PDB file of all heavy atoms in Angstrom:
ATOM      1  N   THR A   1      -0.639  -5.369  12.741  1.00  0.00           N
ATOM      2  CA  THR A   1      -1.351  -5.704  11.513  1.00  0.00           C
ATOM      3  C   THR A   1      -0.420  -6.400  10.522  1.00  0.00           C
ATOM      4  O   THR A   1       0.743  -6.003  10.380  1.00  0.00           O
ATOM      5  CB  THR A   1      -1.957  -4.445  10.866  1.00  0.00           C
ATOM      6  OG1 THR A   1      -2.877  -3.848  11.785  1.00  0.00           O
ATOM      7  CG2 THR A   1      -2.693  -4.781   9.583  1.00  0.00           C
ATOM      8  N   VAL A   2      -0.960  -7.397   9.877  1.00  0.00           N
ATOM      9  CA  VAL A   2      -0.247  -8.098   8.811  1.00  0.00           C
ATOM     10  C   VAL A   2      -1.001  -7.864   7.508  1.00  0.00           C
ATOM     11  O   VAL A   2      -2.238  -7.871   7.494  1.00  0.00           O
ATOM     12  CB  VAL A   2      -0.148  -9.610   9.107  1.00  0.00           C
ATOM     13  CG1 VAL A   2       0.414 -10.366   7.912  1.00  0.00           C
ATOM     14  CG2 VAL A   2       0.730  -9.850  10.319  1.00  0.00           C
ATOM     15  N   TYR A   3      -0.241  -7.678   6.448  1.00  0.00           N
ATOM     16  CA  TYR A   3      -0.831  -7.390   5.159  1.00  0.00           C
ATOM     17  C   TYR A   3      -0.475  -8.479   4.141  1.00  0.00           C
ATOM     18  O   TYR A   3       0.568  -9.123   4.253  1.00  0.00           O
ATOM     19  CB  TYR A   3      -0.328  -6.047   4.624  1.00  0.00           C
ATOM     20  CG  TYR A   3      -0.574  -4.893   5.554  1.00  0.00           C
ATOM     21  CD1 TYR A   3       0.423  -4.444   6.417  1.00  0.00           C
ATOM     22  CD2 TYR A   3      -1.812  -4.242   5.573  1.00  0.00           C
ATOM     23  CE1 TYR A   3       0.192  -3.387   7.273  1.00  0.00           C
ATOM     24  CE2 TYR A   3      -2.042  -3.172   6.428  1.00  0.00           C
ATOM     25  CZ  TYR A   3      -1.033  -2.760   7.275  1.00  0.00           C
ATOM     26  OH  TYR A   3      -1.267  -1.707   8.129  1.00  0.00           O
ATOM     27  N   LEU A   4      -1.339  -8.639   3.167  1.00  0.00           N
ATOM     28  CA  LEU A   4      -1.030  -9.498   2.031  1.00  0.00           C
ATOM     29  C   LEU A   4      -1.329  -8.701   0.765  1.00  0.00           C
ATOM     30  O   LEU A   4      -2.489  -8.477   0.439  1.00  0.00           O
ATOM     31  CB  LEU A   4      -1.845 -10.787   2.053  1.00  0.00           C
ATOM     32  CG  LEU A   4      -1.491 -11.792   0.957  1.00  0.00           C
ATOM     33  CD1 LEU A   4      -0.071 -12.341   1.176  1.00  0.00           C
ATOM     34  CD2 LEU A   4      -2.498 -12.938   0.904  1.00  0.00           C
ATOM     35  N   GLN A   5      -0.270  -8.255   0.108  1.00  0.00           N
ATOM     36  CA  GLN A   5      -0.412  -7.546  -1.152  1.00  0.00           C
ATOM     37  C   GLN A   5      -0.460  -8.578  -2.262  1.00  0.00           C
ATOM     38  O   GLN A   5       0.474  -9.371  -2.417  1.00  0.00           O
ATOM     39  CB  GLN A   5       0.755  -6.591  -1.370  1.00  0.00           C
ATOM     40  CG  GLN A   5       0.712  -5.846  -2.696  1.00  0.00           C
ATOM     41  CD  GLN A   5      -0.443  -4.878  -2.787  1.00  0.00           C
ATOM     42  OE1 GLN A   5      -0.724  -4.139  -1.848  1.00  0.00           O
ATOM     43  NE2 GLN A   5      -1.121  -4.858  -3.932  1.00  0.00           N
ATOM     44  N   MET A   6      -1.537  -8.559  -3.014  1.00  0.00           N
ATOM     45  CA  MET A   6      -1.740  -9.555  -4.074  1.00  0.00           C
ATOM     46  C   MET A   6      -1.786  -8.843  -5.419  1.00  0.00           C
ATOM     47  O   MET A   6      -2.691  -8.036  -5.665  1.00  0.00           O
ATOM     48  CB  MET A   6      -3.033 -10.336  -3.828  1.00  0.00           C
ATOM     49  CG  MET A   6      -3.102 -10.982  -2.459  1.00  0.00           C
ATOM     50  SD  MET A   6      -4.567 -12.012  -2.230  1.00  0.00           S
ATOM     51  CE  MET A   6      -5.851 -10.764  -2.302  1.00  0.00           C
ATOM     52  N   ASN A   7      -0.818  -9.130  -6.255  1.00  0.00           N
ATOM     53  CA  ASN A   7      -0.737  -8.545  -7.586  1.00  0.00           C
ATOM     54  C   ASN A   7      -0.905  -9.623  -8.656  1.00  0.00           C
ATOM     55  O   ASN A   7      -0.769 -10.812  -8.367  1.00  0.00           O
ATOM     56  CB  ASN A   7       0.603  -7.836  -7.776  1.00  0.00           C
ATOM     57  CG  ASN A   7       0.820  -6.703  -6.799  1.00  0.00           C
ATOM     58  OD1 ASN A   7      -0.127  -6.029  -6.388  1.00  0.00           O
ATOM     59  ND2 ASN A   7       2.061  -6.477  -6.425  1.00  0.00           N
ATOM     60  N   SER A   8      -1.180  -9.186  -9.856  1.00  0.00           N
ATOM     61  CA  SER A   8      -1.331 -10.111 -10.989  1.00  0.00           C
ATOM     62  C   SER A   8      -2.269 -11.255 -10.640  1.00  0.00           C
ATOM     63  O   SER A   8      -1.967 -12.432 -10.870  1.00  0.00           O
ATOM     64  CB  SER A   8       0.050 -10.660 -11.413  1.00  0.00           C
ATOM     65  OG  SER A   8       0.925  -9.628 -11.760  1.00  0.00           O
ATOM     66  N   LEU A   9      -3.398 -10.912 -10.093  1.00  0.00           N
ATOM     67  CA  LEU A   9      -4.337 -11.932  -9.631  1.00  0.00           C
ATOM     68  C   LEU A   9      -4.889 -12.749 -10.789  1.00  0.00           C
ATOM     69  O   LEU A   9      -5.087 -12.236 -11.904  1.00  0.00           O
ATOM     70  CB  LEU A   9      -5.470 -11.278  -8.852  1.00  0.00           C
ATOM     71  CG  LEU A   9      -5.094 -10.862  -7.422  1.00  0.00           C
ATOM     72  CD1 LEU A   9      -6.065  -9.839  -6.875  1.00  0.00           C
ATOM     73  CD2 LEU A   9      -5.030 -12.084  -6.524  1.00  0.00           C
ATOM     74  N   LYS A  10      -5.120 -14.017 -10.488  1.00  0.00           N
ATOM     75  CA  LYS A  10      -5.636 -14.965 -11.468  1.00  0.00           C
ATOM     76  C   LYS A  10      -6.967 -15.535 -10.977  1.00  0.00           C
ATOM     77  O   LYS A  10      -7.220 -15.562  -9.762  1.00  0.00           O
ATOM     78  CB  LYS A  10      -4.639 -16.115 -11.655  1.00  0.00           C
ATOM     79  CG  LYS A  10      -3.236 -15.694 -12.034  1.00  0.00           C
ATOM     80  CD  LYS A  10      -2.304 -16.896 -12.073  1.00  0.00           C
ATOM     81  CE  LYS A  10      -0.880 -16.483 -12.428  1.00  0.00           C
ATOM     82  NZ  LYS A  10       0.039 -17.650 -12.453  1.00  0.00           N
ATOM     83  N   PRO A  11      -7.802 -16.007 -11.874  1.00  0.00           N
ATOM     84  CA  PRO A  11      -9.073 -16.606 -11.432  1.00  0.00           C
ATOM     85  C   PRO A  11      -8.869 -17.731 -10.419  1.00  0.00           C
ATOM     86  O   PRO A  11      -9.690 -17.898  -9.502  1.00  0.00           O
ATOM     87  CB  PRO A  11      -9.676 -17.125 -12.732  1.00  0.00           C
ATOM     88  CG  PRO A  11      -9.144 -16.206 -13.779  1.00  0.00           C
ATOM     89  CD  PRO A  11      -7.746 -15.895 -13.348  1.00  0.00           C
ATOM     90  N   GLU A  12      -7.767 -18.460 -10.535  1.00  0.00           N
ATOM     91  CA  GLU A  12      -7.506 -19.549  -9.584  1.00  0.00           C
ATOM     92  C   GLU A  12      -7.122 -19.060  -8.198  1.00  0.00           C
ATOM     93  O   GLU A  12      -6.987 -19.864  -7.267  1.00  0.00           O
ATOM     94  CB  GLU A  12      -6.439 -20.509 -10.122  1.00  0.00           C
ATOM     95  CG  GLU A  12      -5.166 -19.832 -10.592  1.00  0.00           C
ATOM     96  CD  GLU A  12      -5.155 -19.605 -12.094  1.00  0.00           C
ATOM     97  OE1 GLU A  12      -6.192 -19.163 -12.638  1.00  0.00           O
ATOM     98  OE2 GLU A  12      -4.093 -19.854 -12.708  1.00  0.00           O
ATOM     99  N   ASP A  13      -6.947 -17.757  -8.017  1.00  0.00           N
ATOM    100  CA  ASP A  13      -6.709 -17.195  -6.684  1.00  0.00           C
ATOM    101  C   ASP A  13      -8.020 -16.976  -5.934  1.00  0.00           C
ATOM    102  O   ASP A  13      -8.009 -16.625  -4.749  1.00  0.00           O
ATOM    103  CB  ASP A  13      -5.973 -15.856  -6.791  1.00  0.00           C
ATOM    104  CG  ASP A  13      -4.567 -16.004  -7.332  1.00  0.00           C
ATOM    105  OD1 ASP A  13      -3.864 -16.951  -6.938  1.00  0.00           O
ATOM    106  OD2 ASP A  13      -4.158 -15.155  -8.159  1.00  0.00           O
ATOM    107  N   THR A  14      -9.145 -17.190  -6.602  1.00  0.00           N
ATOM    108  CA  THR A  14     -10.447 -17.018  -5.955  1.00  0.00           C
ATOM    109  C   THR A  14     -10.595 -17.983  -4.794  1.00  0.00           C
ATOM    110  O   THR A  14     -10.408 -19.194  -4.937  1.00  0.00           O
ATOM    111  CB  THR A  14     -11.574 -17.251  -6.967  1.00  0.00           C
ATOM    112  OG1 THR A  14     -11.510 -16.234  -7.980  1.00  0.00           O
ATOM    113  CG2 THR A  14     -12.936 -17.213  -6.294  1.00  0.00           C
ATOM    114  N   ALA A  15     -10.896 -17.438  -3.607  1.00  0.00           N
ATOM    115  CA  ALA A  15     -11.002 -18.246  -2.398  1.00  0.00           C
ATOM    116  C   ALA A  15     -11.404 -17.348  -1.232  1.00  0.00           C
ATOM    117  O   ALA A  15     -11.421 -16.119  -1.366  1.00  0.00           O
ATOM    118  CB  ALA A  15      -9.669 -18.929  -2.082  1.00  0.00           C
ATOM    119  N   VAL A  16     -11.699 -17.991  -0.117  1.00  0.00           N
ATOM    120  CA  VAL A  16     -11.822 -17.254   1.142  1.00  0.00           C
ATOM    121  C   VAL A  16     -10.443 -17.242   1.779  1.00  0.00           C
ATOM    122  O   VAL A  16      -9.836 -18.303   1.995  1.00  0.00           O
ATOM    123  CB  VAL A  16     -12.842 -17.917   2.085  1.00  0.00           C
ATOM    124  CG1 VAL A  16     -12.838 -17.214   3.439  1.00  0.00           C
ATOM    125  CG2 VAL A  16     -14.236 -17.888   1.469  1.00  0.00           C
ATOM    126  N   TYR A  17      -9.961 -16.058   2.068  1.00  0.00           N
ATOM    127  CA  TYR A  17      -8.635 -15.892   2.665  1.00  0.00           C
ATOM    128  C   TYR A  17      -8.800 -15.634   4.157  1.00  0.00           C
ATOM    129  O   TYR A  17      -9.569 -14.759   4.570  1.00  0.00           O
ATOM    130  CB  TYR A  17      -7.912 -14.727   2.005  1.00  0.00           C
ATOM    131  CG  TYR A  17      -7.413 -15.058   0.614  1.00  0.00           C
ATOM    132  CD1 TYR A  17      -8.283 -15.244  -0.442  1.00  0.00           C
ATOM    133  CD2 TYR A  17      -6.040 -15.203   0.366  1.00  0.00           C
ATOM    134  CE1 TYR A  17      -7.823 -15.562  -1.712  1.00  0.00           C
ATOM    135  CE2 TYR A  17      -5.573 -15.518  -0.900  1.00  0.00           C
ATOM    136  CZ  TYR A  17      -6.469 -15.699  -1.931  1.00  0.00           C
ATOM    137  OH  TYR A  17      -6.009 -16.017  -3.185  1.00  0.00           O
ATOM    138  N   SER A  18      -8.040 -16.397   4.939  1.00  0.00           N
ATOM    139  CA  SER A  18      -8.131 -16.286   6.391  1.00  0.00           C
ATOM    140  C   SER A  18      -6.763 -16.013   6.987  1.00  0.00           C
ATOM    141  O   SER A  18      -5.757 -16.572   6.537  1.00  0.00           O
ATOM    142  CB  SER A  18      -8.688 -17.576   6.998  1.00  0.00           C
ATOM    143  OG  SER A  18      -9.990 -17.846   6.516  1.00  0.00           O
ATOM    144  N   CYS A  19      -6.766 -15.189   8.010  1.00  0.00           N
ATOM    145  CA  CYS A  19      -5.550 -14.860   8.735  1.00  0.00           C
ATOM    146  C   CYS A  19      -5.388 -15.823   9.909  1.00  0.00           C
ATOM    147  O   CYS A  19      -6.388 -16.213  10.542  1.00  0.00           O
ATOM    148  CB  CYS A  19      -5.646 -13.419   9.230  1.00  0.00           C
ATOM    149  SG  CYS A  19      -4.231 -12.832  10.166  1.00  0.00           S
ATOM    150  N   ASN A  20      -4.151 -16.184  10.181  1.00  0.00           N
ATOM    151  CA  ASN A  20      -3.848 -17.128  11.259  1.00  0.00           C
ATOM    152  C   ASN A  20      -2.719 -16.559  12.113  1.00  0.00           C
ATOM    153  O   ASN A  20      -1.777 -15.971  11.588  1.00  0.00           O
ATOM    154  CB  ASN A  20      -3.437 -18.463  10.640  1.00  0.00           C
ATOM    155  CG  ASN A  20      -2.750 -19.380  11.629  1.00  0.00           C
ATOM    156  OD1 ASN A  20      -1.531 -19.387  11.735  1.00  0.00           O
ATOM    157  ND2 ASN A  20      -3.541 -20.145  12.356  1.00  0.00           N
ATOM    158  N   ALA A  21      -2.839 -16.747  13.412  1.00  0.00           N
ATOM    159  CA  ALA A  21      -1.769 -16.365  14.325  1.00  0.00           C
ATOM    160  C   ALA A  21      -1.444 -17.564  15.214  1.00  0.00           C
ATOM    161  O   ALA A  21      -2.352 -18.265  15.656  1.00  0.00           O
ATOM    162  CB  ALA A  21      -2.176 -15.169  15.174  1.00  0.00           C
ATOM    163  N   GLN A  22      -0.173 -17.758  15.450  1.00  0.00           N
ATOM    164  CA  GLN A  22       0.267 -18.869  16.296  1.00  0.00           C
ATOM    165  C   GLN A  22       0.970 -18.308  17.526  1.00  0.00           C
ATOM    166  O   GLN A  22       1.886 -17.499  17.412  1.00  0.00           O
ATOM    167  CB  GLN A  22       1.193 -19.790  15.507  1.00  0.00           C
ATOM    168  CG  GLN A  22       0.497 -20.434  14.321  1.00  0.00           C
ATOM    169  CD  GLN A  22       1.407 -21.259  13.466  1.00  0.00           C
ATOM    170  OE1 GLN A  22       2.452 -21.732  13.922  1.00  0.00           O
ATOM    171  NE2 GLN A  22       1.025 -21.463  12.211  1.00  0.00           N
ATOM    172  N   ARG A  23       0.511 -18.779  18.679  1.00  0.00           N
ATOM    173  CA  ARG A  23       1.031 -18.254  19.954  1.00  0.00           C
ATOM    174  C   ARG A  23       1.082 -19.395  20.955  1.00  0.00           C
ATOM    175  O   ARG A  23       0.037 -19.946  21.298  1.00  0.00           O
ATOM    176  CB  ARG A  23       0.146 -17.118  20.461  1.00  0.00           C
ATOM    177  CG  ARG A  23       0.578 -16.506  21.770  1.00  0.00           C
ATOM    178  CD  ARG A  23      -0.360 -15.354  22.152  1.00  0.00           C
ATOM    179  NE  ARG A  23       0.080 -14.680  23.352  1.00  0.00           N
ATOM    180  CZ  ARG A  23      -0.258 -15.069  24.585  1.00  0.00           C
ATOM    181  NH1 ARG A  23      -1.047 -16.122  24.753  1.00  0.00           N
ATOM    182  NH2 ARG A  23       0.189 -14.402  25.638  1.00  0.00           N
ATOM    183  N   PHE A  24       2.273 -19.738  21.355  1.00  0.00           N
ATOM    184  CA  PHE A  24       2.486 -20.784  22.365  1.00  0.00           C
ATOM    185  C   PHE A  24       1.734 -22.070  22.004  1.00  0.00           C
ATOM    186  O   PHE A  24       1.087 -22.682  22.855  1.00  0.00           O
ATOM    187  CB  PHE A  24       2.062 -20.283  23.739  1.00  0.00           C
ATOM    188  CG  PHE A  24       2.846 -19.102  24.222  1.00  0.00           C
ATOM    189  CD1 PHE A  24       2.197 -17.972  24.708  1.00  0.00           C
ATOM    190  CD2 PHE A  24       4.233 -19.106  24.181  1.00  0.00           C
ATOM    191  CE1 PHE A  24       2.923 -16.875  25.152  1.00  0.00           C
ATOM    192  CE2 PHE A  24       4.960 -18.005  24.612  1.00  0.00           C
ATOM    193  CZ  PHE A  24       4.299 -16.889  25.101  1.00  0.00           C
ATOM    194  N   GLY A  25       1.801 -22.436  20.741  1.00  0.00           N
ATOM    195  CA  GLY A  25       1.202 -23.688  20.312  1.00  0.00           C
ATOM    196  C   GLY A  25      -0.279 -23.625  19.993  1.00  0.00           C
ATOM    197  O   GLY A  25      -0.857 -24.612  19.549  1.00  0.00           O
ATOM    198  N   TYR A  26      -0.878 -22.471  20.210  1.00  0.00           N
ATOM    199  CA  TYR A  26      -2.295 -22.307  19.879  1.00  0.00           C
ATOM    200  C   TYR A  26      -2.430 -21.584  18.535  1.00  0.00           C
ATOM    201  O   TYR A  26      -1.630 -20.707  18.207  1.00  0.00           O
ATOM    202  CB  TYR A  26      -3.018 -21.513  20.964  1.00  0.00           C
ATOM    203  CG  TYR A  26      -3.234 -22.301  22.230  1.00  0.00           C
ATOM    204  CD1 TYR A  26      -2.269 -22.293  23.232  1.00  0.00           C
ATOM    205  CD2 TYR A  26      -4.392 -23.051  22.420  1.00  0.00           C
ATOM    206  CE1 TYR A  26      -2.452 -23.011  24.398  1.00  0.00           C
ATOM    207  CE2 TYR A  26      -4.580 -23.768  23.588  1.00  0.00           C
ATOM    208  CZ  TYR A  26      -3.607 -23.747  24.577  1.00  0.00           C
ATOM    209  OH  TYR A  26      -3.794 -24.473  25.720  1.00  0.00           O
ATOM    210  N   TYR A  27      -3.473 -21.958  17.811  1.00  0.00           N
ATOM    211  CA  TYR A  27      -3.769 -21.358  16.521  1.00  0.00           C
ATOM    212  C   TYR A  27      -5.026 -20.504  16.658  1.00  0.00           C
ATOM    213  O   TYR A  27      -6.038 -20.964  17.178  1.00  0.00           O
ATOM    214  CB  TYR A  27      -3.991 -22.429  15.449  1.00  0.00           C
ATOM    215  CG  TYR A  27      -2.738 -23.102  14.971  1.00  0.00           C
ATOM    216  CD1 TYR A  27      -1.900 -23.780  15.853  1.00  0.00           C
ATOM    217  CD2 TYR A  27      -2.370 -23.069  13.627  1.00  0.00           C
ATOM    218  CE1 TYR A  27      -0.745 -24.401  15.412  1.00  0.00           C
ATOM    219  CE2 TYR A  27      -1.219 -23.683  13.177  1.00  0.00           C
ATOM    220  CZ  TYR A  27      -0.417 -24.355  14.078  1.00  0.00           C
ATOM    221  OH  TYR A  27       0.728 -24.971  13.634  1.00  0.00           O
ATOM    222  N   TYR A  28      -4.965 -19.307  16.165  1.00  0.00           N
ATOM    223  CA  TYR A  28      -6.104 -18.401  16.178  1.00  0.00           C
ATOM    224  C   TYR A  28      -6.428 -18.028  14.738  1.00  0.00           C
ATOM    225  O   TYR A  28      -5.528 -17.868  13.900  1.00  0.00           O
ATOM    226  CB  TYR A  28      -5.790 -17.143  16.995  1.00  0.00           C
ATOM    227  CG  TYR A  28      -5.460 -17.446  18.429  1.00  0.00           C
ATOM    228  CD1 TYR A  28      -4.148 -17.662  18.831  1.00  0.00           C
ATOM    229  CD2 TYR A  28      -6.470 -17.503  19.390  1.00  0.00           C
ATOM    230  CE1 TYR A  28      -3.835 -17.956  20.141  1.00  0.00           C
ATOM    231  CE2 TYR A  28      -6.161 -17.786  20.722  1.00  0.00           C
ATOM    232  CZ  TYR A  28      -4.855 -18.011  21.088  1.00  0.00           C
ATOM    233  OH  TYR A  28      -4.548 -18.294  22.384  1.00  0.00           O
ATOM    234  N   TRP A  29      -7.736 -17.862  14.461  1.00  0.00           N
ATOM    235  CA  TRP A  29      -8.195 -17.595  13.094  1.00  0.00           C
ATOM    236  C   TRP A  29      -9.113 -16.383  13.045  1.00  0.00           C
ATOM    237  O   TRP A  29      -9.912 -16.155  13.966  1.00  0.00           O
ATOM    238  CB  TRP A  29      -8.951 -18.805  12.552  1.00  0.00           C
ATOM    239  CG  TRP A  29      -8.088 -20.018  12.397  1.00  0.00           C
ATOM    240  CD1 TRP A  29      -7.892 -21.009  13.311  1.00  0.00           C
ATOM    241  CD2 TRP A  29      -7.275 -20.356  11.268  1.00  0.00           C
ATOM    242  NE1 TRP A  29      -7.022 -21.945  12.811  1.00  0.00           N
ATOM    243  CE2 TRP A  29      -6.631 -21.571  11.558  1.00  0.00           C
ATOM    244  CE3 TRP A  29      -7.052 -19.749  10.027  1.00  0.00           C
ATOM    245  CZ2 TRP A  29      -5.763 -22.199  10.666  1.00  0.00           C
ATOM    246  CZ3 TRP A  29      -6.196 -20.379   9.142  1.00  0.00           C
ATOM    247  CH2 TRP A  29      -5.562 -21.581   9.460  1.00  0.00           C
ATOM    248  N   GLY A  30      -9.028 -15.664  11.942  1.00  0.00           N
ATOM    249  CA  GLY A  30      -9.998 -14.625  11.677  1.00  0.00           C
ATOM    250  C   GLY A  30     -11.220 -15.228  11.004  1.00  0.00           C
ATOM    251  O   GLY A  30     -11.300 -16.435  10.764  1.00  0.00           O
ATOM    252  N   GLN A  31     -12.178 -14.362  10.665  1.00  0.00           N
ATOM    253  CA  GLN A  31     -13.439 -14.842  10.109  1.00  0.00           C
ATOM    254  C   GLN A  31     -13.342 -15.112   8.618  1.00  0.00           C
ATOM    255  O   GLN A  31     -14.206 -15.777   8.047  1.00  0.00           O
ATOM    256  CB  GLN A  31     -14.556 -13.813  10.384  1.00  0.00           C
ATOM    257  CG  GLN A  31     -14.593 -12.636   9.424  1.00  0.00           C
ATOM    258  CD  GLN A  31     -13.507 -11.597   9.677  1.00  0.00           C
ATOM    259  OE1 GLN A  31     -12.701 -11.731  10.597  1.00  0.00           O
ATOM    260  NE2 GLN A  31     -13.486 -10.557   8.859  1.00  0.00           N
ATOM    261  N   GLY A  32     -12.296 -14.609   7.979  1.00  0.00           N
ATOM    262  CA  GLY A  32     -12.113 -14.836   6.552  1.00  0.00           C
ATOM    263  C   GLY A  32     -12.688 -13.710   5.718  1.00  0.00           C
ATOM    264  O   GLY A  32     -13.634 -13.028   6.112  1.00  0.00           O
ATOM    265  N   THR A  33     -12.099 -13.510   4.549  1.00  0.00           N
ATOM    266  CA  THR A  33     -12.582 -12.502   3.611  1.00  0.00           C
ATOM    267  C   THR A  33     -12.551 -13.099   2.209  1.00  0.00           C
ATOM    268  O   THR A  33     -11.596 -13.773   1.827  1.00  0.00           O
ATOM    269  CB  THR A  33     -11.741 -11.211   3.705  1.00  0.00           C
ATOM    270  OG1 THR A  33     -12.307 -10.208   2.859  1.00  0.00           O
ATOM    271  CG2 THR A  33     -10.290 -11.434   3.304  1.00  0.00           C
ATOM    272  N   GLN A  34     -13.614 -12.855   1.449  1.00  0.00           N
ATOM    273  CA  GLN A  34     -13.737 -13.449   0.128  1.00  0.00           C
ATOM    274  C   GLN A  34     -12.953 -12.642  -0.895  1.00  0.00           C
ATOM    275  O   GLN A  34     -13.080 -11.410  -0.958  1.00  0.00           O
ATOM    276  CB  GLN A  34     -15.207 -13.514  -0.296  1.00  0.00           C
ATOM    277  CG  GLN A  34     -15.441 -14.034  -1.694  1.00  0.00           C
ATOM    278  CD  GLN A  34     -15.144 -15.515  -1.825  1.00  0.00           C
ATOM    279  OE1 GLN A  34     -15.539 -16.309  -0.970  1.00  0.00           O
ATOM    280  NE2 GLN A  34     -14.458 -15.902  -2.898  1.00  0.00           N
TER     281      GLN A  34
END
């Protein structure tokens, strides 16, 4: 598991956040979280 701790959030941080993994030149993506 990888975590992203986000502090002091700003309105400009509003977005869909997606996780990415790179393995042997391939990119894999999660479904995203708002």
